[in-house]
Every structure is written in C-alpha cells, then in structure tokens.
C-alpha cells in the first residue's frame, strides 16, 4: 500500500463493483463513439467491414484487460499503470508513465469540459462563453470530490447511469424509427487502396475510442476486495462498452446508409437529423452534454491518484500524499484541477494531448512488458487473477500496441518527434526530482 506523510489521513477502502463498472464505462464512452463512425465509414463504407473493425478493437481491449487485471490484483495500489511499470521496470520508466498519464488526463479533463461547454452554450445561448462553462463544470465536480471519495464515487455512478440510459434510449429510437435493414448493401464507388490498409486506419480510430478500460485500476486500494472486484469491474465495464458500441453503430446503419456517414465530423448529428428533423440538433447537443459529464468526472477522479502514488514513491512533491477526512487526496486534486483550468483558459490542451498521444499506447506496451518481467521475477507472488493464455495473449496485446505506436508515429511524425524530445528531457527532470 501507499505510504502517506505523518499527520494525514489514508485513502478509504469504500468503493465497490458498481463504482468500478461506472468509472470504466464513464471514462471510456465519450464523444468518440458519436464522432468516429464518420471517419471509419470514410475508410470502410460497407456494413460488415465497418462492424468488424469495432469487434476487433474490442478484442484488443479485451486482451489488454486480461493482462492488466493480473497486475492490478497483484499490486492493489491506486495510481493507474504507473504502479505496475515502476514495480516491474523501475523508477524511471514509472516516472515517464506517471507524468505522461497525469498530464494527458488533465488535458483530457480540459478538452472534454470545453466540448461540453460548447454544447451547453448551444442549448442555452445566454451562457455565452464555453470556457466559463467548462471552468464551472470542472469546479463543481472538483468540489463534490473534495467532500470525499464516497461523494466522488456517487457522482460517477450517477452520471454514468444517466449516460447509459440516454444512449440506450437513443439506440432504441434508431431501431424503432429507422426503416432500413442495417446490413442492406449500398452501391459504393471503387475504393482507392487495399481493404487491409483501410481496416488498419479505421482500427486506429476505434482503439482510441475504446481507451479508458483501465479506469478501475486508478482506485485499486480504495476498492473493497480488489482481487475479486477489479477484474469483474474491468471486464464488466468493457463488455458493456462493446455492447453499446456495436448496438449504436448497427442503430446508425438502421437509420442512414453507412456511406452517408463518411466524412461527417459528428456522425450522430446526421442520424439525429434524419430521426428528429428540426429538433435533431437539440437532441444531439443534449446527448453530448449528458454523455460527456461522466467523462469529465472520471478524469478529475483519476488524475490526482497518479500523482498521489508518485509522491508516495518520492517521484512528485511529497505534500501530494495528503488525504482529507473524506478519503480524497486533496492536494493532488487541487494541483490537477489547477493544471486542467490552465489548459482550458490557455487553449493548450490540444497541443498537450497531441504531443502526449505517443505515450498513450506506449504506456500500455510498458504495462504488458511489466507482466512478463514480474512473472519471471516474482513467480510466487499472490495473483488473485492470472491472465488467461499468458504469454500468448499478453504477447499479442504487446505486439498490437507496438504496431499501433509505429502507425501513430507514421501518421503524426511532428508530434511524435516532440514526444521523443520530451522523453530525452525527462531524464534530467527525473534525476532532479530524485535528488530533491
């Protein structure tokens, strides 16, 4: 367990399976599923390849969940993937994972809050400034979490439940009001390039959309019976996400032909316009606000746990280990919220996320590598969950991560070079923090 500074409280072990599934679903399902079908339809305009890429993306996430569940139950500490990588590969790799994960999570808080603010202003023009709305949303959710982990967990469960209900109602509307056979063939112009390349490009977008299934491991030492609950929460959350993703895409295809979605920045907008006509825009804006609220809350919950764990291992300012009576790492929460607010006000979150996107799958790759190392180094350590099919399943997940990382470098060489530069600069910073 994490150590805390004298005179402070400890993290409270009060969270359960419902919270674990809620934070997995809330953190994973965001704007991606409502936006990315347009990008994927551009590459794969036929129904079966279009649907297959969502299934394959889910299987990749399933392989990752299988591996990470073992690490999380073996090392039940709050803090996310930083905990596994530091334990398996050492302080410096852990430092890289922790800092990149924390900053990108703060950036995600800002990015999602800004989008939520834009849709809120669309619904209520008198609000005028989306940045102010974003700051208010982040501030209110931070205040709820400051009250204690039970309050923060309750807010996550409530907002994720609202999101799930709203999405299920929208899916039902697609099937009830749509008048198409989803799998009906549509005349498509000859595709330029191979189906394999189109599939790989689509898979990149799908994997980004599935990102978030690791959310329960950020709260490992706050979850009751982590050996049982964490795997159930991760797999339960992922299966729920897969079901919603597949159903919502089939629902889209029941309303409009898939080629109609191609190139649309907001695929759900085209579907809502067909279903609800003049009121489609209002439906979409309301849907986005309700869907994004739980995503903002989960990011605000997760970010402090990363630097709390790093501070406990002397890789961050030691006062970030302070925990209030409600079980919230309050100093870490305040630091994370301030950073997110700076990103909102300055508008730099896109740059931050773009430069740290290189580490997105790299962190997964390091986690999977840690499993191989810890299986060899600590073969007799308690493992309430053992990764099924290891080393083959873990190896396949690792190969997929490396391939995806190489593809990301090819797709965005400029930001990838920035990331490599940040990697070199991180070592002197690491030495300075260790020395102090």
Protein backbone atom coordinates (compact mmCIF):
# COMPACT_ATOMS: atom_id res chain seq x y z
CA UNK A 1 0.00 0.00 0.00
CA UNK A 2 0.99 3.63 -0.49
CA UNK A 3 2.70 5.40 2.36
CA UNK A 4 1.40 8.80 3.47
CA UNK A 5 3.03 11.67 5.30
CA UNK A 6 2.64 11.87 9.09
CA UNK A 7 -0.47 13.71 10.23
CA UNK A 8 -2.53 12.91 7.14
CA UNK A 9 -5.39 10.50 6.60
CA UNK A 10 -5.34 7.44 4.38
CA UNK A 11 -7.25 6.56 1.26
CA UNK A 12 -10.53 4.90 2.24
CA UNK A 13 -11.44 1.42 1.05
CA UNK A 14 -15.10 2.15 0.37
CA UNK A 15 -15.66 1.64 -3.38
CA UNK A 16 -17.36 -1.41 -4.88
CA UNK A 17 -18.20 -3.16 -8.12
CA UNK A 18 -20.89 -0.67 -9.15
CA UNK A 19 -18.38 2.19 -8.98
CA UNK A 20 -15.75 0.13 -10.85
CA UNK A 21 -18.09 -0.54 -13.77
CA UNK A 22 -19.38 3.05 -13.69
CA UNK A 23 -15.90 4.58 -13.90
CA UNK A 24 -14.86 2.18 -16.68
CA UNK A 25 -17.96 2.99 -18.74
CA UNK A 26 -17.92 6.69 -17.87
CA UNK A 27 -14.25 7.11 -18.73
CA UNK A 28 -14.43 5.12 -21.98
CA UNK A 29 -17.64 6.27 -23.62
CA UNK A 30 -17.31 9.91 -24.57
CA UNK A 31 -17.52 11.92 -27.75
CA UNK A 32 -15.51 9.31 -29.67
CA UNK A 33 -18.35 6.88 -30.33
CA UNK A 34 -20.57 9.76 -31.54
CA UNK A 35 -17.87 11.24 -33.78
CA UNK A 36 -15.59 8.46 -35.07
CA UNK A 37 -18.14 6.41 -37.09
CA UNK A 38 -17.88 9.16 -39.74
CA UNK A 39 -14.12 8.67 -40.01
CA UNK A 40 -14.44 4.89 -40.12
CA UNK A 41 -17.23 5.00 -42.73
CA UNK A 42 -14.87 7.00 -44.92
CA UNK A 43 -12.43 4.08 -44.96
CA UNK A 44 -14.93 1.20 -44.67
CA UNK A 45 -18.27 2.15 -46.26
CA UNK A 46 -19.58 -1.45 -46.39
CA UNK A 47 -21.55 -2.74 -43.38
CA UNK A 48 -19.66 -5.91 -42.45
CA UNK A 49 -16.10 -4.50 -42.58
CA UNK A 50 -17.43 -1.39 -40.77
CA UNK A 51 -18.81 -3.55 -37.95
CA UNK A 52 -15.85 -5.94 -37.90
CA UNK A 53 -13.40 -3.17 -37.01
CA UNK A 54 -15.42 -2.38 -33.86
CA UNK A 55 -15.30 -6.04 -32.82
CA UNK A 56 -11.54 -6.29 -33.44
CA UNK A 57 -10.93 -3.09 -31.44
CA UNK A 58 -12.92 -4.60 -28.58
CA UNK A 59 -10.87 -7.80 -28.74
CA UNK A 60 -7.64 -5.79 -28.45
CA UNK A 61 -9.05 -4.04 -25.37
CA UNK A 62 -10.09 -7.46 -24.03
CA UNK A 63 -6.52 -8.78 -24.37
CA UNK A 64 -5.26 -5.69 -22.54
CA UNK A 65 -7.84 -6.07 -19.78
CA UNK A 66 -6.80 -9.69 -19.32
CA UNK A 67 -3.18 -8.66 -18.70
CA UNK A 68 -3.77 -5.51 -16.66
CA UNK A 69 -6.25 -7.29 -14.37
CA UNK A 70 -3.44 -9.57 -13.18
CA UNK A 71 -1.14 -6.62 -12.49
CA UNK A 72 -3.89 -4.70 -10.66
CA UNK A 73 -4.79 -7.60 -8.37
CA UNK A 74 -1.14 -8.41 -7.72
CA UNK A 75 -0.35 -4.75 -6.89
CA UNK A 76 -3.58 -3.25 -5.47
CA UNK A 77 -2.40 0.36 -5.22
CA UNK A 78 -4.23 3.39 -6.52
CA UNK A 79 -2.38 5.22 -9.29
CA UNK A 80 -3.03 3.51 -12.61
CA UNK A 81 -0.43 1.99 -14.90
CA UNK A 82 2.35 3.96 -13.21
CA UNK A 83 2.20 1.49 -10.30
CA UNK A 84 2.81 -1.60 -12.47
CA UNK A 85 5.52 -0.08 -14.64
CA UNK A 86 7.51 1.30 -11.72
CA UNK A 87 7.27 -2.00 -9.85
CA UNK A 88 8.21 -4.07 -12.89
CA UNK A 89 10.66 -1.88 -14.80
CA UNK A 90 11.97 0.64 -12.26
CA UNK A 91 11.63 4.25 -11.16
CA UNK A 92 12.47 5.98 -14.46
CA UNK A 93 10.02 4.08 -16.72
CA UNK A 94 7.42 4.55 -13.97
CA UNK A 95 8.23 8.26 -13.87
CA UNK A 96 7.65 8.57 -17.64
CA UNK A 97 4.35 6.69 -17.49
CA UNK A 98 3.17 8.64 -14.43
CA UNK A 99 3.93 12.11 -15.76
CA UNK A 100 2.60 11.46 -19.26
CA UNK A 101 -0.54 9.80 -17.89
CA UNK A 102 -1.19 12.59 -15.39
CA UNK A 103 -0.68 15.44 -17.87
CA UNK A 104 -2.73 13.77 -20.59
CA UNK A 105 -5.55 13.08 -18.08
CA UNK A 106 -5.53 16.75 -17.03
CA UNK A 107 -5.56 17.67 -20.73
CA UNK A 108 -8.47 15.30 -21.31
CA UNK A 109 -10.36 16.95 -18.44
CA UNK A 110 -9.90 20.30 -20.18
CA UNK A 111 -10.69 19.02 -23.67
CA UNK A 112 -13.90 17.23 -22.70
CA UNK A 113 -15.04 20.11 -20.47
CA UNK A 114 -14.53 22.55 -23.37
CA UNK A 115 -16.60 20.37 -25.74
CA UNK A 116 -19.28 20.03 -23.07
CA UNK A 117 -19.25 23.82 -22.65
CA UNK A 118 -19.67 24.34 -26.40
CA UNK A 119 -22.76 22.13 -26.47
CA UNK A 120 -24.15 23.77 -23.33
CA UNK A 121 -23.83 27.21 -24.94
CA UNK A 122 -25.62 25.82 -27.99
CA UNK A 123 -28.50 24.71 -25.78
CA UNK A 124 -28.50 27.86 -23.64
CA UNK A 125 -27.10 30.81 -25.66
CA UNK A 126 -27.36 33.12 -22.65
CA UNK A 127 -24.35 31.27 -21.16
CA UNK A 128 -22.28 32.87 -23.97
CA UNK A 129 -18.74 31.67 -23.15
CA UNK A 130 -17.96 27.96 -23.35
CA UNK A 131 -14.69 28.37 -21.45
CA UNK A 132 -16.53 29.78 -18.43
CA UNK A 133 -18.99 26.87 -18.57
CA UNK A 134 -16.08 24.42 -18.77
CA UNK A 135 -14.42 26.01 -15.72
CA UNK A 136 -17.71 25.91 -13.79
CA UNK A 137 -18.26 22.23 -14.59
CA UNK A 138 -14.72 21.32 -13.52
CA UNK A 139 -15.04 23.47 -10.39
CA UNK A 140 -18.37 21.92 -9.31
CA UNK A 141 -17.18 18.35 -9.87
CA UNK A 142 -13.94 19.13 -8.01
CA UNK A 143 -15.94 20.45 -5.05
CA UNK A 144 -18.04 17.27 -4.98
CA UNK A 145 -14.90 15.13 -4.94
CA UNK A 146 -13.28 17.32 -2.29
CA UNK A 147 -16.17 16.30 0.00
CA UNK A 148 -14.90 12.73 -0.09
CA UNK A 149 -14.41 9.62 -2.17
CA UNK A 150 -17.96 8.46 -1.44
CA UNK A 151 -19.31 11.69 -2.95
CA UNK A 152 -16.99 11.45 -5.95
CA UNK A 153 -17.84 7.79 -6.45
CA UNK A 154 -21.54 8.51 -6.14
CA UNK A 155 -21.29 11.29 -8.72
CA UNK A 156 -19.51 8.91 -11.08
CA UNK A 157 -22.11 6.19 -10.66
CA UNK A 158 -24.98 8.66 -11.18
CA UNK A 159 -23.50 10.37 -14.26
CA UNK A 160 -22.51 7.04 -15.86
CA UNK A 161 -26.01 5.66 -15.26
CA UNK A 162 -27.55 8.74 -16.90
CA UNK A 163 -25.18 8.34 -19.85
CA UNK A 164 -26.05 4.66 -20.24
CA UNK A 165 -29.80 5.26 -20.09
CA UNK A 166 -29.66 8.13 -22.59
CA UNK A 167 -27.55 6.13 -25.06
CA UNK A 168 -29.83 3.09 -24.75
CA UNK A 169 -32.87 5.30 -25.42
CA UNK A 170 -31.15 6.77 -28.47
CA UNK A 171 -30.26 3.28 -29.74
CA UNK A 172 -33.88 2.20 -29.22
CA UNK A 173 -35.06 5.23 -31.22
CA UNK A 174 -32.74 4.22 -34.06
CA UNK A 175 -34.22 0.72 -34.24
CA UNK A 176 -37.84 1.79 -33.74
CA UNK A 177 -37.86 4.83 -36.04
CA UNK A 178 -35.23 3.67 -38.55
CA UNK A 179 -36.66 1.98 -41.63
CA UNK A 180 -33.57 0.35 -43.12
CA UNK A 181 -32.11 -3.12 -42.94
CA UNK A 182 -28.72 -2.26 -41.35
CA UNK A 183 -26.86 -4.85 -43.44
CA UNK A 184 -28.56 -3.88 -46.71
CA UNK A 185 -25.98 -3.47 -49.45
CA UNK A 186 -25.38 0.02 -50.83
CA UNK A 187 -23.67 0.84 -54.09
CA UNK A 188 -20.19 2.08 -53.21
CA UNK A 189 -17.66 3.55 -55.60
CA UNK A 190 -14.45 1.58 -56.06
CA UNK A 191 -12.22 2.07 -53.03
CA UNK A 192 -8.77 3.51 -53.59
CA UNK A 193 -6.12 1.35 -51.92
CA UNK A 194 -6.39 -2.00 -50.20
CA UNK A 195 -9.02 -3.14 -47.72
CA UNK A 196 -6.23 -4.06 -45.25
CA UNK A 197 -4.85 -0.51 -45.15
CA UNK A 198 -8.37 0.90 -44.77
CA UNK A 199 -9.01 -1.54 -41.94
CA UNK A 200 -5.79 -0.59 -40.13
CA UNK A 201 -6.53 3.14 -40.43
CA UNK A 202 -10.03 2.54 -39.07
CA UNK A 203 -8.69 0.39 -36.25
CA UNK A 204 -6.55 3.28 -35.03
CA UNK A 205 -9.67 5.41 -34.54
CA UNK A 206 -11.54 2.53 -32.88
CA UNK A 207 -8.73 1.79 -30.39
CA UNK A 208 -8.70 5.45 -29.33
CA UNK A 209 -12.45 5.20 -28.81
CA UNK A 210 -12.04 2.13 -26.58
CA UNK A 211 -9.34 3.78 -24.46
CA UNK A 212 -10.46 4.10 -20.84
CA UNK A 213 -10.99 0.47 -19.82
CA UNK A 214 -8.12 0.75 -17.31
CA UNK A 215 -10.03 3.28 -15.18
CA UNK A 216 -10.77 0.94 -12.21
CA UNK A 217 -7.04 0.35 -11.57
CA UNK A 218 -6.60 4.02 -10.62
CA UNK A 219 -8.58 3.23 -7.45
CA UNK A 220 -7.24 -0.24 -6.59
CA UNK A 221 -6.57 0.36 -2.90
CA UNK A 222 -9.90 2.14 -2.48
CA UNK A 223 -11.92 -0.79 -3.85
CA UNK A 224 -13.17 -3.45 -1.44
CA UNK A 225 -11.87 -6.96 -2.19
CA UNK A 226 -9.72 -5.78 -5.12
CA UNK A 227 -8.72 -9.34 -6.05
CA UNK A 228 -12.33 -10.09 -6.96
CA UNK A 229 -13.83 -6.73 -7.77
CA UNK A 230 -11.20 -5.22 -10.08
CA UNK A 231 -11.33 -7.97 -12.75
CA UNK A 232 -15.14 -8.01 -12.60
CA UNK A 233 -15.29 -4.22 -12.93
CA UNK A 234 -12.82 -4.13 -15.83
CA UNK A 235 -14.39 -6.98 -17.80
CA UNK A 236 -17.94 -5.90 -16.92
CA UNK A 237 -17.24 -2.33 -17.97
CA UNK A 238 -15.55 -3.41 -21.21
CA UNK A 239 -18.33 -5.80 -22.21
CA UNK A 240 -20.89 -3.05 -21.54
CA UNK A 241 -18.90 -0.64 -23.72
CA UNK A 242 -18.54 -3.20 -26.53
CA UNK A 243 -22.28 -3.90 -26.47
CA UNK A 244 -23.14 -0.19 -26.63
CA UNK A 245 -20.60 0.47 -29.42
CA UNK A 246 -21.87 -2.39 -31.58
CA UNK A 247 -25.54 -1.58 -30.97
CA UNK A 248 -25.15 2.13 -31.63
CA UNK A 249 -23.36 1.51 -34.93
CA UNK A 250 -25.97 -1.01 -36.04
CA UNK A 251 -28.57 1.55 -34.98
CA UNK A 252 -26.89 4.23 -37.11
CA UNK A 253 -26.98 1.86 -40.09
CA UNK A 254 -30.70 1.22 -39.47
CA UNK A 255 -31.35 4.94 -39.99
CA UNK A 256 -28.94 6.00 -42.75
CA UNK A 257 -26.67 4.11 -45.17
CA UNK A 258 -23.11 3.89 -43.85
CA UNK A 259 -21.62 5.78 -46.85
CA UNK A 260 -23.85 8.72 -45.82
CA UNK A 261 -21.84 8.99 -42.58
CA UNK A 262 -18.48 9.12 -44.40
CA UNK A 263 -16.52 12.25 -43.55
CA UNK A 264 -19.05 13.53 -41.01
CA UNK A 265 -17.30 15.12 -38.01
CA UNK A 266 -20.29 14.24 -35.83
CA UNK A 267 -21.91 11.08 -37.18
CA UNK A 268 -24.68 11.15 -34.58
CA UNK A 269 -25.76 14.51 -35.98
CA UNK A 270 -26.64 13.05 -39.37
CA UNK A 271 -28.58 10.24 -37.69
CA UNK A 272 -30.46 12.60 -35.34
CA UNK A 273 -31.33 14.92 -38.21
CA UNK A 274 -32.95 12.01 -40.07
CA UNK A 275 -34.79 10.79 -36.97
CA UNK A 276 -35.94 14.06 -35.44
CA UNK A 277 -35.71 16.59 -38.26
CA UNK A 278 -35.67 20.18 -36.99
CA UNK A 279 -35.19 19.02 -33.38
CA UNK A 280 -32.19 16.82 -34.27
CA UNK A 281 -29.62 19.47 -33.32
CA UNK A 282 -31.15 19.95 -29.87
CA UNK A 283 -31.23 16.18 -29.31
CA UNK A 284 -27.57 15.87 -30.26
CA UNK A 285 -26.48 18.72 -28.00
CA UNK A 286 -28.40 17.29 -25.05
CA UNK A 287 -26.99 13.83 -25.76
CA UNK A 288 -23.43 15.15 -25.87
CA UNK A 289 -23.79 17.10 -22.61
CA UNK A 290 -25.15 14.08 -20.72
CA UNK A 291 -22.60 11.72 -22.28
CA UNK A 292 -19.59 13.94 -21.50
CA UNK A 293 -20.41 14.80 -17.89
CA UNK A 294 -19.32 11.41 -16.55
CA UNK A 295 -16.15 11.56 -18.68
CA UNK A 296 -15.11 14.85 -17.09
CA UNK A 297 -15.87 13.48 -13.63
CA UNK A 298 -13.83 10.31 -14.20
CA UNK A 299 -10.82 12.31 -15.41
CA UNK A 300 -10.99 14.58 -12.36
CA UNK A 301 -11.16 11.46 -10.17
CA UNK A 302 -8.25 9.69 -11.88
CA UNK A 303 -5.62 12.39 -12.29
CA UNK A 304 -4.95 13.01 -8.55
CA UNK A 305 -4.46 9.28 -7.91
CA UNK A 306 -1.49 9.23 -10.31
CA UNK A 307 0.49 11.98 -8.61
CA UNK A 308 -0.60 10.70 -5.17
CA UNK A 309 1.09 7.38 -5.98
CA UNK A 310 4.15 9.12 -7.45
CA UNK A 311 4.50 11.35 -4.39
CA UNK A 312 4.27 8.27 -2.16
CA UNK A 313 7.29 6.89 -4.06
CA UNK A 314 9.14 10.24 -3.88
CA UNK A 315 8.71 10.97 -7.59
CA UNK A 316 6.48 14.01 -7.03
CA UNK A 317 6.09 16.77 -4.44
CA UNK A 318 5.66 14.93 -1.12
CA UNK A 319 2.67 17.02 0.02
CA UNK A 320 0.61 15.47 -2.78
CA UNK A 321 0.25 12.44 -0.47
CA UNK A 322 -2.07 14.43 1.82
CA UNK A 323 -5.55 12.88 2.15
CA UNK A 324 -8.53 14.60 3.77
CA UNK A 325 -11.06 13.04 6.13
CA UNK A 326 -13.31 12.06 3.25
CA UNK A 327 -10.54 9.96 1.69
CA UNK A 328 -9.76 12.41 -1.13
CA UNK A 329 -6.10 13.18 -1.96
CA UNK A 330 -6.96 16.87 -1.70
CA UNK A 331 -3.60 18.47 -2.53
CA UNK A 332 -3.21 16.22 -5.58
CA UNK A 333 -6.81 17.05 -6.57
CA UNK A 334 -6.17 20.79 -6.32
CA UNK A 335 -2.94 20.60 -8.34
CA UNK A 336 -4.65 18.53 -11.06
CA UNK A 337 -7.65 20.87 -11.22
CA UNK A 338 -5.43 23.95 -11.48
CA UNK A 339 -3.49 22.36 -14.36
CA UNK A 340 -6.76 21.43 -16.13
CA UNK A 341 -8.02 25.01 -15.64
CA UNK A 342 -4.81 26.42 -17.13
CA UNK A 343 -5.31 24.17 -20.15
CA UNK A 344 -8.91 25.42 -20.51
CA UNK A 345 -8.01 29.11 -20.24
CA UNK A 346 -4.90 28.93 -22.43
CA UNK A 347 -6.38 26.57 -25.01
CA UNK A 348 -3.21 24.47 -24.98
CA UNK A 349 -4.88 21.13 -24.18
CA UNK A 350 -4.92 20.08 -27.86
CA UNK A 351 -1.17 20.63 -28.12
CA UNK A 352 -0.55 18.74 -24.88
CA UNK A 353 -2.73 15.78 -25.85
CA UNK A 354 -1.24 15.71 -29.36
CA UNK A 355 2.32 15.58 -28.03
CA UNK A 356 1.49 13.02 -25.35
CA UNK A 357 -0.54 10.78 -27.67
CA UNK A 358 2.71 8.96 -28.46
CA UNK A 359 2.76 7.73 -24.85
CA UNK A 360 -0.87 6.59 -24.98
CA UNK A 361 -0.16 3.12 -26.36
CA UNK A 362 3.48 3.19 -25.21
CA UNK A 363 2.18 3.09 -21.62
CA UNK A 364 0.12 0.01 -22.47
CA UNK A 365 3.18 -1.60 -24.04
CA UNK A 366 5.23 -0.93 -20.89
CA UNK A 367 2.44 -2.38 -18.70
CA UNK A 368 2.32 -5.58 -20.78
CA UNK A 369 6.12 -5.79 -20.62
CA UNK A 370 5.91 -5.43 -16.84
CA UNK A 371 3.70 -8.51 -16.69
CA UNK A 372 6.37 -10.58 -18.45
CA UNK A 373 9.04 -9.22 -16.07
CA UNK A 374 7.00 -9.81 -12.91
CA UNK A 375 6.02 -13.34 -13.94
CA UNK A 376 9.73 -14.13 -14.12
CA UNK A 377 10.91 -12.05 -11.14
CA UNK A 378 8.10 -12.87 -8.71
CA UNK A 379 6.57 -16.17 -9.85
CA UNK A 380 5.14 -16.98 -6.40
CA UNK A 381 3.57 -13.58 -5.66
CA UNK A 382 -0.18 -13.72 -4.89
CA UNK A 383 -2.17 -13.31 -8.10
CA UNK A 384 -5.92 -13.37 -7.44
CA UNK A 385 -6.39 -13.07 -11.20
CA UNK A 386 -3.99 -14.77 -13.60
CA UNK A 387 -4.01 -13.56 -17.20
CA UNK A 388 -5.68 -16.23 -19.29
CA UNK A 389 -3.45 -17.60 -22.08
CA UNK A 390 -0.31 -15.78 -20.95
CA UNK A 391 2.27 -15.38 -22.52
CA UNK A 392 0.47 -15.69 -25.86
CA UNK A 393 -2.42 -13.33 -25.13
CA UNK A 394 -0.18 -10.77 -23.44
CA UNK A 395 2.35 -11.07 -26.26
CA UNK A 396 -0.39 -10.45 -28.83
CA UNK A 397 -1.55 -7.37 -26.92
CA UNK A 398 2.07 -6.14 -26.75
CA UNK A 399 2.59 -6.67 -30.49
CA UNK A 400 -0.64 -4.82 -31.21
CA UNK A 401 0.49 -1.91 -29.04
CA UNK A 402 3.88 -1.68 -30.76
CA UNK A 403 2.26 -1.84 -34.21
CA UNK A 404 -0.24 0.83 -33.24
CA UNK A 405 2.57 3.02 -31.84
CA UNK A 406 4.56 2.75 -35.08
CA UNK A 407 1.45 3.59 -37.09
CA UNK A 408 0.85 6.64 -34.87
CA UNK A 409 4.43 7.82 -35.48
CA UNK A 410 3.92 7.48 -39.23
CA UNK A 411 0.59 9.30 -39.09
CA UNK A 412 1.84 12.20 -36.93
CA UNK A 413 5.65 12.45 -37.19
CA UNK A 414 5.77 16.06 -35.94
CA UNK A 415 4.13 15.40 -32.57
CA UNK A 416 5.98 12.08 -32.30
CA UNK A 417 9.30 13.92 -32.62
CA UNK A 418 8.12 16.30 -29.90
CA UNK A 419 7.34 13.27 -27.74
CA UNK A 420 10.82 11.83 -28.31
CA UNK A 421 12.28 15.23 -27.34
CA UNK A 422 10.17 15.26 -24.17
CA UNK A 423 11.45 11.76 -23.44
CA UNK A 424 15.07 12.94 -23.57
CA UNK A 425 14.31 15.97 -21.42
CA UNK A 426 12.50 13.83 -18.87
CA UNK A 427 15.68 12.13 -17.66
CA UNK A 428 17.35 15.28 -16.24
CA UNK A 429 14.00 16.20 -14.66
CA UNK A 430 13.78 12.71 -13.16
CA UNK A 431 17.29 13.00 -11.68
CA UNK A 432 16.49 16.43 -10.24
CA UNK A 433 13.31 15.17 -8.56
CA UNK A 434 15.09 12.10 -7.20
CA UNK A 435 17.88 14.26 -5.78
CA UNK A 436 15.43 16.60 -4.03
